[in-house]
Amino acid sequence: MGHAGMAATAVRYLRSAGTPASAGTPYGRASAPRPELRAVRDDERAPVGPGEFRRVLGHFASGVTVITARDEDGPAGFACQSFASLSLDPPLVVFMVARTSTTWPRIARAGTFCVNVLGADQGGLCRAFAVSGADKFAGVDHAPAPVTGSPRLAGAPAWIDCTIRAVHTGGDHLIVVGAVEALGAEDDGAPLLFHRGRFGRFSA
């Protein structure tokens, strides 16, 4: 089964079962029996509201990326702050995407993706890829990444070309693990930063 087939199988399973695919087990096999469904008691409700959660977590400054892929319908992509390196050996990266994302099913079908790390002057590009339903690639220069063919955005200081290795559940998001196939960077590229709802620059 190819990378696209494995990703599609993972998505189908996660939608039907709602339990994480276990590392080291075939896609579609739950790591533990599903608990019996029941109503949530008052003493089990979340201790913090989503507004307070966002406010506090907004103090953690992050870089900004655009995750891209190409399926049979053409290029697809979305702006993503929830990205990180995961493993050096083997080289793995991870990003998180909302279960409600309309772009994720297309990335899953492709089975591959490219992480485009945005530069300090690409705030407008980030906003364009954060809009749902728009033609996000209109007027955006890009070229195929060397291994997967996923769109590599012009001007991005760094890029990581990946195949999907695993997909796990994480509350209202999915955790996507990618195996790095190729990557590159400009040594003088300054990053775009996001902090408390605003874009900024790095200053030594």
Protein backbone atom coordinates (compact mmCIF):
# COMPACT_ATOMS: atom_id res chain seq x y z
CA MET A 1 0.00 0.00 0.00
CA GLY A 2 1.41 3.42 -0.95
CA HIS A 3 1.67 6.50 1.29
CA ALA A 4 -1.61 7.93 -0.02
CA GLY A 5 -3.40 4.64 0.60
CA MET A 6 -2.07 4.40 4.17
CA ALA A 7 -3.11 7.99 4.93
CA ALA A 8 -6.59 7.45 3.50
CA THR A 9 -6.99 4.26 5.55
CA ALA A 10 -5.94 6.11 8.69
CA VAL A 11 -8.46 8.88 8.07
CA ARG A 12 -11.29 6.40 7.45
CA TYR A 13 -10.46 4.55 10.63
CA LEU A 14 -10.17 7.69 12.76
CA ARG A 15 -13.53 8.92 11.51
CA SER A 16 -15.25 5.63 12.29
CA ALA A 17 -13.56 4.70 15.55
CA GLY A 18 -12.42 7.95 17.10
CA THR A 19 -9.44 6.21 18.74
CA PRO A 20 -5.73 6.73 18.01
CA ALA A 21 -3.89 4.47 15.60
CA SER A 22 -1.20 2.78 17.65
CA ALA A 23 2.44 3.23 16.64
CA GLY A 24 3.84 -0.08 15.49
CA THR A 25 0.43 -1.57 14.65
CA PRO A 26 -1.30 -1.55 11.27
CA TYR A 27 -3.46 1.43 10.43
CA GLY A 28 -7.00 0.79 11.51
CA ARG A 29 -6.25 -1.24 14.68
CA ALA A 30 -7.13 0.37 18.01
CA SER A 31 -4.50 0.22 20.74
CA ALA A 32 -7.19 -0.35 23.40
CA PRO A 33 -10.91 -1.17 23.54
CA ARG A 34 -13.21 1.79 23.10
CA PRO A 35 -14.77 2.95 26.39
CA GLU A 36 -18.50 2.74 26.86
CA LEU A 37 -20.21 5.99 25.85
CA ARG A 38 -21.93 7.91 28.64
CA ALA A 39 -22.86 11.45 29.59
CA VAL A 40 -20.11 13.72 30.93
CA ARG A 41 -20.60 14.54 34.61
CA ASP A 42 -20.26 18.11 35.88
CA ASP A 43 -17.10 17.24 37.81
CA GLU A 44 -15.47 15.94 34.60
CA ARG A 45 -15.93 19.08 32.54
CA ALA A 46 -12.93 21.04 31.27
CA PRO A 47 -11.36 23.12 34.08
CA VAL A 48 -10.72 26.08 31.73
CA GLY A 49 -12.73 27.66 28.94
CA PRO A 50 -11.46 27.88 25.35
CA GLY A 51 -11.08 31.68 25.53
CA GLU A 52 -8.80 31.52 28.57
CA PHE A 53 -6.91 28.59 27.03
CA ARG A 54 -6.18 30.63 23.88
CA ARG A 55 -5.22 33.73 25.88
CA VAL A 56 -2.67 31.94 28.03
CA LEU A 57 -1.24 29.72 25.28
CA GLY A 58 -0.94 32.81 23.06
CA HIS A 59 2.04 33.83 25.20
CA PHE A 60 4.02 31.02 23.60
CA ALA A 61 5.62 32.56 20.51
CA SER A 62 5.84 30.28 17.49
CA GLY A 63 7.00 30.23 13.93
CA VAL A 64 4.49 30.08 11.09
CA THR A 65 4.30 27.54 8.28
CA VAL A 66 2.13 26.69 5.32
CA ILE A 67 1.52 22.97 4.84
CA THR A 68 1.00 22.13 1.15
CA ALA A 69 0.21 19.07 -0.92
CA ARG A 70 -0.93 18.20 -4.41
CA ASP A 71 -3.76 15.76 -5.12
CA GLU A 72 -5.70 14.96 -8.29
CA ASP A 73 -7.51 18.32 -8.02
CA GLY A 74 -4.32 20.38 -7.89
CA PRO A 75 -2.46 22.19 -5.09
CA ALA A 76 -3.86 22.50 -1.56
CA GLY A 77 -2.55 24.11 1.59
CA PHE A 78 -3.28 25.77 4.92
CA ALA A 79 -1.50 28.04 7.39
CA CYS A 80 -0.18 26.13 10.41
CA GLN A 81 1.50 27.25 13.65
CA SER A 82 1.31 23.81 15.26
CA PHE A 83 4.44 22.39 13.66
CA ALA A 84 7.59 20.95 15.25
CA SER A 85 10.51 18.63 14.70
CA LEU A 86 9.89 15.24 16.30
CA SER A 87 12.87 12.90 15.75
CA LEU A 88 16.42 13.17 14.48
CA ASP A 89 16.92 9.47 13.74
CA PRO A 90 14.86 8.78 11.75
CA PRO A 91 14.12 12.38 10.70
CA LEU A 92 10.47 13.04 11.54
CA VAL A 93 8.34 16.17 11.85
CA VAL A 94 4.82 16.67 13.16
CA PHE A 95 1.97 19.10 12.57
CA MET A 96 -1.51 19.39 14.04
CA VAL A 97 -4.64 20.08 12.02
CA ALA A 98 -8.25 20.60 13.10
CA ARG A 99 -10.60 17.70 12.45
CA THR A 100 -12.91 20.21 10.73
CA SER A 101 -10.25 21.27 8.20
CA THR A 102 -11.40 21.01 4.60
CA THR A 103 -7.79 20.92 3.39
CA TRP A 104 -6.66 17.95 5.49
CA PRO A 105 -8.64 15.30 3.51
CA ARG A 106 -6.81 16.42 0.37
CA ILE A 107 -3.41 16.17 2.10
CA ALA A 108 -4.37 12.72 3.39
CA ARG A 109 -5.34 11.60 -0.10
CA ALA A 110 -1.99 12.80 -1.44
CA GLY A 111 -0.12 10.98 1.34
CA THR A 112 2.61 13.60 1.16
CA PHE A 113 3.15 17.23 2.14
CA CYS A 114 5.67 20.06 2.17
CA VAL A 115 6.23 22.30 5.19
CA ASN A 116 6.97 25.85 4.04
CA VAL A 117 8.52 27.88 6.87
CA LEU A 118 7.43 31.47 6.27
CA GLY A 119 9.76 34.45 6.30
CA ALA A 120 9.42 37.75 8.16
CA ASP A 121 7.82 39.49 5.17
CA GLN A 122 5.26 36.77 4.40
CA GLY A 123 2.51 37.68 6.84
CA GLY A 124 0.17 38.41 3.93
CA LEU A 125 0.84 34.96 2.50
CA CYS A 126 -0.01 33.40 5.86
CA ARG A 127 -3.32 35.28 5.99
CA ALA A 128 -4.17 34.15 2.46
CA PHE A 129 -3.65 30.50 3.38
CA ALA A 130 -5.68 30.92 6.58
CA VAL A 131 -8.86 31.74 4.62
CA SER A 132 -11.21 28.83 4.04
CA GLY A 133 -12.73 28.25 0.63
CA ALA A 134 -10.61 30.78 -1.28
CA ASP A 135 -8.24 30.07 -4.16
CA LYS A 136 -5.21 30.20 -1.91
CA PHE A 137 -2.69 29.66 -4.71
CA ALA A 138 -3.93 32.52 -6.91
CA GLY A 139 -0.87 34.62 -7.78
CA VAL A 140 1.40 32.56 -5.52
CA ASP A 141 4.63 31.36 -7.12
CA HIS A 142 5.51 27.78 -6.29
CA ALA A 143 7.46 24.83 -7.66
CA PRO A 144 7.34 21.08 -6.99
CA ALA A 145 9.30 19.83 -4.00
CA PRO A 146 12.02 17.45 -5.23
CA VAL A 147 10.68 14.13 -3.91
CA THR A 148 6.91 14.37 -3.41
CA GLY A 149 6.05 17.15 -5.86
CA SER A 150 4.16 19.04 -3.14
CA PRO A 151 4.10 22.82 -3.72
CA ARG A 152 7.19 24.60 -2.49
CA LEU A 153 6.33 28.29 -2.01
CA ALA A 154 8.67 30.89 -3.46
CA GLY A 155 10.46 33.03 -0.91
CA ALA A 156 10.03 30.66 2.04
CA PRO A 157 13.32 30.61 4.00
CA ALA A 158 13.05 26.85 4.64
CA TRP A 159 11.09 23.84 3.39
CA ILE A 160 10.70 20.19 4.41
CA ASP A 161 9.41 17.62 1.90
CA CYS A 162 7.62 14.72 3.63
CA THR A 163 5.55 11.58 3.32
CA ILE A 164 2.87 10.80 5.91
CA ARG A 165 4.16 8.26 8.45
CA ALA A 166 1.27 8.16 10.97
CA VAL A 167 -1.90 9.95 12.06
CA HIS A 168 -3.08 10.10 15.68
CA THR A 169 -6.05 11.70 17.43
CA GLY A 170 -5.59 14.65 19.76
CA GLY A 171 -8.90 16.03 21.01
CA ASP A 172 -10.42 18.23 18.30
CA HIS A 173 -7.22 17.96 16.22
CA LEU A 174 -5.27 15.28 14.38
CA ILE A 175 -1.54 14.78 14.94
CA VAL A 176 0.21 14.08 11.64
CA VAL A 177 3.70 12.60 11.65
CA GLY A 178 5.79 13.04 8.51
CA ALA A 179 8.94 11.25 7.39
CA VAL A 180 11.41 13.77 5.96
CA GLU A 181 12.44 12.96 2.38
CA ALA A 182 14.27 16.20 1.52
CA LEU A 183 14.74 19.69 2.95
CA GLY A 184 16.54 22.95 2.40
CA ALA A 185 16.99 26.46 3.81
CA GLU A 186 18.38 29.91 3.12
CA ASP A 187 20.98 30.78 5.75
CA ASP A 188 20.00 34.47 5.82
CA GLY A 189 16.24 33.95 5.91
CA ALA A 190 14.54 35.72 8.87
CA PRO A 191 11.48 33.91 10.28
CA LEU A 192 7.91 35.12 10.64
CA LEU A 193 6.82 34.89 14.28
CA PHE A 194 3.35 34.81 15.84
CA HIS A 195 2.68 35.98 19.39
CA ARG A 196 -0.59 36.91 21.14
CA GLY A 197 -2.51 37.25 17.88
CA ARG A 198 0.08 39.34 16.05
CA PHE A 199 2.91 38.76 13.60
CA GLY A 200 6.41 39.89 14.48
CA ARG A 201 10.12 39.54 13.71
CA PHE A 202 13.05 38.02 15.52
CA SER A 203 15.54 40.46 17.01
CA ALA A 204 18.81 39.22 18.50
